Amino acid sequence: IRAATPPLEATTADVICGGLTLATQTLPIAVVLTYTESGFTSLRAARGRPEAPILCLTPSIEVARQLTIVWGVNPVVISATGSVEEMIRVGIKVAIAKGMAKSGDPIAITAGLPTGTKGTTNLLTIAQA
């Protein structure tokens, strides 16, 4: 990935990340969780400057290292997840452990389906920690 913020494009990923920003402006979102293989979801989320910190979960140490310099992004390396339910469960656990959310807090989650595939950001959901 590159450190520069990607330009806005007419893509599903950009619409999803725009929705993240709107969610943080509308709801008391404690943390934004981005699951990413390549880092681009987190870059796109950061471009919108959401009103909640971005917790980037990635199975790639290289991606995590590159994202340490991106505005508002807190990267954490995790094992690959196999389902949306597992992503949510792991994300909530990490957010609480990092002190970024507490039980009952609303969190915004974005990811790509099918899981483990680069360039598929197409999911936005709101869950409770």
Foldseek 3Di string as FASTA:
>chain_A
DDLDQDDDDPDLLLVQLLVQQVCLVPFVALEEEEEAAQLNSVSSNLVSVHPHAYEYEYQDPVSQVSCVPGPRYHYDHDHFDQDPVRVVVVVVVVCVVVVSADFFHKHWYWYAPPGPDHPGTNDIDIDGD
